[in-house]
C-alpha cells in the first residue's frame, strides 16, 4: 500500500509446491481473538502476496493465544474466503487513499502504534489534557479530565522515553 506504512507478521509460511499461504499471529492477551475475518491477518496475507508476487490457491489465517483466559492455549484458524480478501483489499486501498493524518484520532489502537512518540494526535490530546493546569484555580473536574487520559499519557511518555533512549 505504502512504503511508509508497515507492520510485522509473527510468522508467514508459504508452501510453494502446494501454493498454501499460512499467516500465524501470536496474541499474548487473555481475551479471545478469532482468525475468522481478522483484518490484521488479512492485511498480512495481502502484503505477503504483493511482496513475494505469489498467488496461493489457499490462504489460512491462524491465531495462537497461549495465555487465553480459559487457562488453555487457544488456537483459531480460518481458511480465507476469496471474496472477503478482495473486499478487504479494496477497503484498505480506499482507506489509505482518503486518510487525513492531520485529523488522526486517538484510541485503543494507539497502544500498538510504532509512530506513537511522534504522533501529532496523541501529543495534542496529552497537552490538551494539561491545559487546565495553567489555571490558578484547578477544579476537581479538571483533575478528573486529566486522570481519564492516564493510560494514553503513560503509554505516550513510555514510547517517547524508548525513542529517546534508542537515540543515545
C-alpha atoms as a PDB file:
ATOM      1  CA  UNK A   1       0.000   0.000   0.000  1.00  0.00           C
ATOM      2  CA  UNK A   2       2.720   2.430   1.022  1.00  0.00           C
ATOM      3  CA  UNK A   3       6.371   2.013   1.882  1.00  0.00           C
ATOM      4  CA  UNK A   4       5.917   4.386   4.827  1.00  0.00           C
ATOM      5  CA  UNK A   5       3.200   2.185   6.393  1.00  0.00           C
ATOM      6  CA  UNK A   6       4.220  -1.181   7.744  1.00  0.00           C
ATOM      7  CA  UNK A   7       3.582  -3.870  10.275  1.00  0.00           C
ATOM      8  CA  UNK A   8       5.302  -7.097  11.179  1.00  0.00           C
ATOM      9  CA  UNK A   9       3.674 -10.506  10.973  1.00  0.00           C
ATOM     10  CA  UNK A  10       4.746 -13.035  13.585  1.00  0.00           C
ATOM     11  CA  UNK A  11       5.055 -15.910  11.103  1.00  0.00           C
ATOM     12  CA  UNK A  12       4.310 -16.336   7.408  1.00  0.00           C
ATOM     13  CA  UNK A  13       4.760 -19.753   5.834  1.00  0.00           C
ATOM     14  CA  UNK A  14       4.277 -20.321   2.119  1.00  0.00           C
ATOM     15  CA  UNK A  15       4.315 -23.856   0.764  1.00  0.00           C
ATOM     16  CA  UNK A  16       5.183 -23.173  -2.888  1.00  0.00           C
ATOM     17  CA  UNK A  17       4.587 -26.728  -4.071  1.00  0.00           C
ATOM     18  CA  UNK A  18       1.031 -26.775  -2.691  1.00  0.00           C
ATOM     19  CA  UNK A  19       0.501 -22.994  -3.075  1.00  0.00           C
ATOM     20  CA  UNK A  20      -0.732 -22.652   0.518  1.00  0.00           C
ATOM     21  CA  UNK A  21      -0.085 -19.443   2.450  1.00  0.00           C
ATOM     22  CA  UNK A  22      -0.306 -19.588   6.260  1.00  0.00           C
ATOM     23  CA  UNK A  23      -0.374 -16.398   8.317  1.00  0.00           C
ATOM     24  CA  UNK A  24       0.230 -17.066  12.014  1.00  0.00           C
ATOM     25  CA  UNK A  25      -0.178 -14.419  14.691  1.00  0.00           C
ATOM     26  CA  UNK A  26       0.734 -14.751  18.356  1.00  0.00           C
ATOM     27  CA  UNK A  27      -1.606 -12.910  20.741  1.00  0.00           C
ATOM     28  CA  UNK A  28      -0.345 -12.667  24.302  1.00  0.00           C
ATOM     29  CA  UNK A  29      -3.544 -11.221  25.792  1.00  0.00           C
ATOM     30  CA  UNK A  30      -6.142 -13.237  27.659  1.00  0.00           C
ATOM     31  CA  UNK A  31      -9.225 -12.175  25.678  1.00  0.00           C
ATOM     32  CA  UNK A  32     -10.393 -14.194  22.694  1.00  0.00           C
ATOM     33  CA  UNK A  33      -9.227 -13.079  19.258  1.00  0.00           C
ATOM     34  CA  UNK A  34     -10.507 -15.062  16.296  1.00  0.00           C
ATOM     35  CA  UNK A  35      -8.817 -15.742  12.975  1.00  0.00           C
ATOM     36  CA  UNK A  36     -12.082 -15.600  11.036  1.00  0.00           C
ATOM     37  CA  UNK A  37     -12.258 -12.385   9.008  1.00  0.00           C
ATOM     38  CA  UNK A  38      -9.376 -10.910  11.031  1.00  0.00           C
ATOM     39  CA  UNK A  39      -8.377  -7.694   9.231  1.00  0.00           C
ATOM     40  CA  UNK A  40      -4.840  -7.632  10.605  1.00  0.00           C
ATOM     41  CA  UNK A  41      -4.048 -11.133   9.348  1.00  0.00           C
ATOM     42  CA  UNK A  42      -5.841 -10.487   6.069  1.00  0.00           C
ATOM     43  CA  UNK A  43      -3.641  -7.447   5.502  1.00  0.00           C
ATOM     44  CA  UNK A  44      -0.570  -9.581   6.263  1.00  0.00           C
ATOM     45  CA  UNK A  45      -1.745 -12.059   3.620  1.00  0.00           C
ATOM     46  CA  UNK A  46      -2.212  -9.274   1.072  1.00  0.00           C
ATOM     47  CA  UNK A  47       1.247  -7.927   1.928  1.00  0.00           C
ATOM     48  CA  UNK A  48       2.893 -11.338   1.553  1.00  0.00           C
ATOM     49  CA  UNK A  49       1.216 -11.884  -1.805  1.00  0.00           C
ATOM     50  CA  UNK A  50       2.286  -8.449  -3.072  1.00  0.00           C
ATOM     51  CA  UNK A  51       5.821  -8.644  -1.672  1.00  0.00           C
ATOM     52  CA  UNK A  52       6.582 -12.118  -2.971  1.00  0.00           C
ATOM     53  CA  UNK A  53       4.425 -11.954  -6.107  1.00  0.00           C
ATOM     54  CA  UNK A  54       2.602 -15.166  -5.172  1.00  0.00           C
ATOM     55  CA  UNK A  55      -0.922 -16.341  -5.981  1.00  0.00           C
ATOM     56  CA  UNK A  56      -1.750 -19.009  -3.408  1.00  0.00           C
ATOM     57  CA  UNK A  57      -4.657 -21.344  -4.064  1.00  0.00           C
ATOM     58  CA  UNK A  58      -5.353 -21.465  -0.324  1.00  0.00           C
ATOM     59  CA  UNK A  59      -4.760 -18.932   2.451  1.00  0.00           C
ATOM     60  CA  UNK A  60      -5.165 -19.902   6.110  1.00  0.00           C
ATOM     61  CA  UNK A  61      -5.114 -17.405   8.968  1.00  0.00           C
ATOM     62  CA  UNK A  62      -4.117 -18.660  12.434  1.00  0.00           C
ATOM     63  CA  UNK A  63      -4.118 -17.055  15.879  1.00  0.00           C
ATOM     64  CA  UNK A  64      -2.323 -18.653  18.822  1.00  0.00           C
ATOM     65  CA  UNK A  65      -3.151 -17.405  22.320  1.00  0.00           C
ATOM     66  CA  UNK A  66      -1.059 -19.157  24.988  1.00  0.00           C
ATOM     67  CA  UNK A  67      -2.482 -17.048  27.846  1.00  0.00           C
ATOM     68  CA  UNK A  68      -6.162 -17.309  26.940  1.00  0.00           C
ATOM     69  CA  UNK A  69      -8.490 -16.616  29.880  1.00  0.00           C
ATOM     70  CA  UNK A  70      -9.803 -20.178  29.716  1.00  0.00           C
ATOM     71  CA  UNK A  71      -6.420 -21.319  31.025  1.00  0.00           C
ATOM     72  CA  UNK A  72      -5.991 -23.467  27.933  1.00  0.00           C
ATOM     73  CA  UNK A  73      -3.985 -22.454  24.891  1.00  0.00           C
ATOM     74  CA  UNK A  74      -6.331 -21.160  22.242  1.00  0.00           C
ATOM     75  CA  UNK A  75      -5.748 -21.783  18.540  1.00  0.00           C
ATOM     76  CA  UNK A  76      -8.055 -20.315  15.946  1.00  0.00           C
ATOM     77  CA  UNK A  77      -7.753 -20.960  12.198  1.00  0.00           C
ATOM     78  CA  UNK A  78      -9.778 -19.834   9.215  1.00  0.00           C
ATOM     79  CA  UNK A  79      -9.423 -20.582   5.513  1.00  0.00           C
ATOM     80  CA  UNK A  80      -9.828 -17.248   3.771  1.00  0.00           C
ATOM     81  CA  UNK A  81     -12.844 -16.616   1.605  1.00  0.00           C
ATOM     82  CA  UNK A  82     -11.572 -15.028  -1.649  1.00  0.00           C
ATOM     83  CA  UNK A  83     -14.458 -12.546  -1.818  1.00  0.00           C
ATOM     84  CA  UNK A  84     -13.670 -11.375   1.718  1.00  0.00           C
ATOM     85  CA  UNK A  85      -9.985 -10.895   0.837  1.00  0.00           C
ATOM     86  CA  UNK A  86     -10.848  -8.984  -2.344  1.00  0.00           C
ATOM     87  CA  UNK A  87     -13.206  -6.717  -0.396  1.00  0.00           C
ATOM     88  CA  UNK A  88     -10.594  -6.203   2.339  1.00  0.00           C
ATOM     89  CA  UNK A  89      -8.019  -5.168  -0.267  1.00  0.00           C
ATOM     90  CA  UNK A  90     -10.434  -2.616  -1.743  1.00  0.00           C
ATOM     91  CA  UNK A  91     -11.284  -1.284   1.728  1.00  0.00           C
ATOM     92  CA  UNK A  92      -7.611  -0.930   2.674  1.00  0.00           C
ATOM     93  CA  UNK A  93      -6.691   0.918  -0.524  1.00  0.00           C
ATOM     94  CA  UNK A  94      -9.716   3.188  -0.177  1.00  0.00           C
ATOM     95  CA  UNK A  95      -8.919   3.935   3.484  1.00  0.00           C
ATOM     96  CA  UNK A  96      -5.263   4.728   2.803  1.00  0.00           C
ATOM     97  CA  UNK A  97      -6.166   6.980  -0.124  1.00  0.00           C
ATOM     98  CA  UNK A  98      -8.656   9.003   1.922  1.00  0.00           C
ATOM     99  CA  UNK A  99      -6.847   9.266   5.261  1.00  0.00           C
ATOM    100  CA  UNK A 100      -6.069  12.750   6.508  1.00  0.00           C
ATOM    101  CA  UNK A 101      -3.259  12.240   9.009  1.00  0.00           C
ATOM    102  CA  UNK A 102      -3.788  15.741  10.372  1.00  0.00           C
ATOM    103  CA  UNK A 103      -7.168  14.542  11.660  1.00  0.00           C
ATOM    104  CA  UNK A 104      -5.911  11.289  13.225  1.00  0.00           C
ATOM    105  CA  UNK A 105      -7.925  10.131  16.220  1.00  0.00           C
ATOM    106  CA  UNK A 106      -6.542   8.515  19.338  1.00  0.00           C
ATOM    107  CA  UNK A 107      -7.973   5.299  20.741  1.00  0.00           C
ATOM    108  CA  UNK A 108      -7.149   1.772  21.882  1.00  0.00           C
ATOM    109  CA  UNK A 109      -5.364   1.190  18.580  1.00  0.00           C
ATOM    110  CA  UNK A 110      -2.670   3.686  19.630  1.00  0.00           C
ATOM    111  CA  UNK A 111      -1.216   1.270  22.161  1.00  0.00           C
ATOM    112  CA  UNK A 112       0.477  -0.773  19.384  1.00  0.00           C
ATOM    113  CA  UNK A 113       1.364   2.054  17.017  1.00  0.00           C
ATOM    114  CA  UNK A 114       5.094   2.473  16.336  1.00  0.00           C
ATOM    115  CA  UNK A 115       4.511   6.158  15.490  1.00  0.00           C
ATOM    116  CA  UNK A 116       3.175   6.887  18.984  1.00  0.00           C
ATOM    117  CA  UNK A 117       6.121   9.034  20.172  1.00  0.00           C
ATOM    118  CA  UNK A 118       5.818  11.369  17.169  1.00  0.00           C
ATOM    119  CA  UNK A 119       2.047  11.232  16.642  1.00  0.00           C
ATOM    120  CA  UNK A 120       0.517  14.712  16.495  1.00  0.00           C
ATOM    121  CA  UNK A 121      -2.909  13.423  17.602  1.00  0.00           C
ATOM    122  CA  UNK A 122      -1.538  11.872  20.800  1.00  0.00           C
ATOM    123  CA  UNK A 123       0.685  14.877  21.544  1.00  0.00           C
ATOM    124  CA  UNK A 124      -2.316  17.175  21.050  1.00  0.00           C
ATOM    125  CA  UNK A 125      -4.532  15.094  23.357  1.00  0.00           C
ATOM    126  CA  UNK A 126      -1.837  14.863  26.056  1.00  0.00           C
ATOM    127  CA  UNK A 127      -1.101  18.587  26.012  1.00  0.00           C
ATOM    128  CA  UNK A 128      -4.811  19.467  25.885  1.00  0.00           C
ATOM    129  CA  UNK A 129      -5.312  17.333  28.995  1.00  0.00           C
ATOM    130  CA  UNK A 130      -2.849  19.510  30.884  1.00  0.00           C
ATOM    131  CA  UNK A 131      -4.088  22.885  29.628  1.00  0.00           C
ATOM    132  CA  UNK A 132      -6.306  23.213  32.716  1.00  0.00           C
ATOM    133  CA  UNK A 133      -3.205  23.221  34.935  1.00  0.00           C
ATOM    134  CA  UNK A 134      -2.360  26.686  33.627  1.00  0.00           C
ATOM    135  CA  UNK A 135      -5.364  27.949  35.553  1.00  0.00           C
ATOM    136  CA  UNK A 136      -4.865  29.375  39.051  1.00  0.00           C
ATOM    137  CA  UNK A 137      -7.990  27.561  40.149  1.00  0.00           C
ATOM    138  CA  UNK A 138      -7.701  23.857  39.314  1.00  0.00           C
ATOM    139  CA  UNK A 139     -11.084  22.201  39.799  1.00  0.00           C
ATOM    140  CA  UNK A 140     -11.990  18.583  40.519  1.00  0.00           C
ATOM    141  CA  UNK A 141     -13.467  18.314  37.001  1.00  0.00           C
ATOM    142  CA  UNK A 142     -10.065  19.337  35.577  1.00  0.00           C
ATOM    143  CA  UNK A 143      -8.301  16.653  37.627  1.00  0.00           C
ATOM    144  CA  UNK A 144     -10.847  14.034  36.520  1.00  0.00           C
ATOM    145  CA  UNK A 145     -10.320  15.078  32.875  1.00  0.00           C
ATOM    146  CA  UNK A 146      -6.551  14.639  33.208  1.00  0.00           C
ATOM    147  CA  UNK A 147      -6.912  11.334  35.057  1.00  0.00           C
ATOM    148  CA  UNK A 148      -9.239   9.969  32.367  1.00  0.00           C
ATOM    149  CA  UNK A 149      -6.285  10.191  29.968  1.00  0.00           C
ATOM    150  CA  UNK A 150      -3.905   8.372  32.334  1.00  0.00           C
ATOM    151  CA  UNK A 151      -3.344   5.290  30.134  1.00  0.00           C
ATOM    152  CA  UNK A 152      -2.773   7.315  26.981  1.00  0.00           C
ATOM    153  CA  UNK A 153      -0.401   9.692  28.785  1.00  0.00           C
ATOM    154  CA  UNK A 154       1.602   6.841  30.358  1.00  0.00           C
ATOM    155  CA  UNK A 155       1.845   4.959  27.049  1.00  0.00           C
ATOM    156  CA  UNK A 156       2.917   8.117  25.232  1.00  0.00           C
ATOM    157  CA  UNK A 157       5.614   9.018  27.778  1.00  0.00           C
ATOM    158  CA  UNK A 158       6.909   5.428  27.736  1.00  0.00           C
ATOM    159  CA  UNK A 159       7.113   5.455  23.922  1.00  0.00           C
ATOM    160  CA  UNK A 160       8.890   8.831  23.969  1.00  0.00           C
ATOM    161  CA  UNK A 161      11.373   7.520  26.546  1.00  0.00           C
ATOM    162  CA  UNK A 162      12.095   4.402  24.451  1.00  0.00           C
ATOM    163  CA  UNK A 163      12.601   6.540  21.352  1.00  0.00           C
ATOM    164  CA  UNK A 164      14.936   8.930  23.158  1.00  0.00           C
ATOM    165  CA  UNK A 165      16.980   6.143  24.766  1.00  0.00           C
ATOM    166  CA  UNK A 166      17.358   4.460  21.369  1.00  0.00           C
ATOM    167  CA  UNK A 167      18.919   7.684  20.048  1.00  0.00           C
ATOM    168  CA  UNK A 168      21.659   7.758  22.742  1.00  0.00           C
END
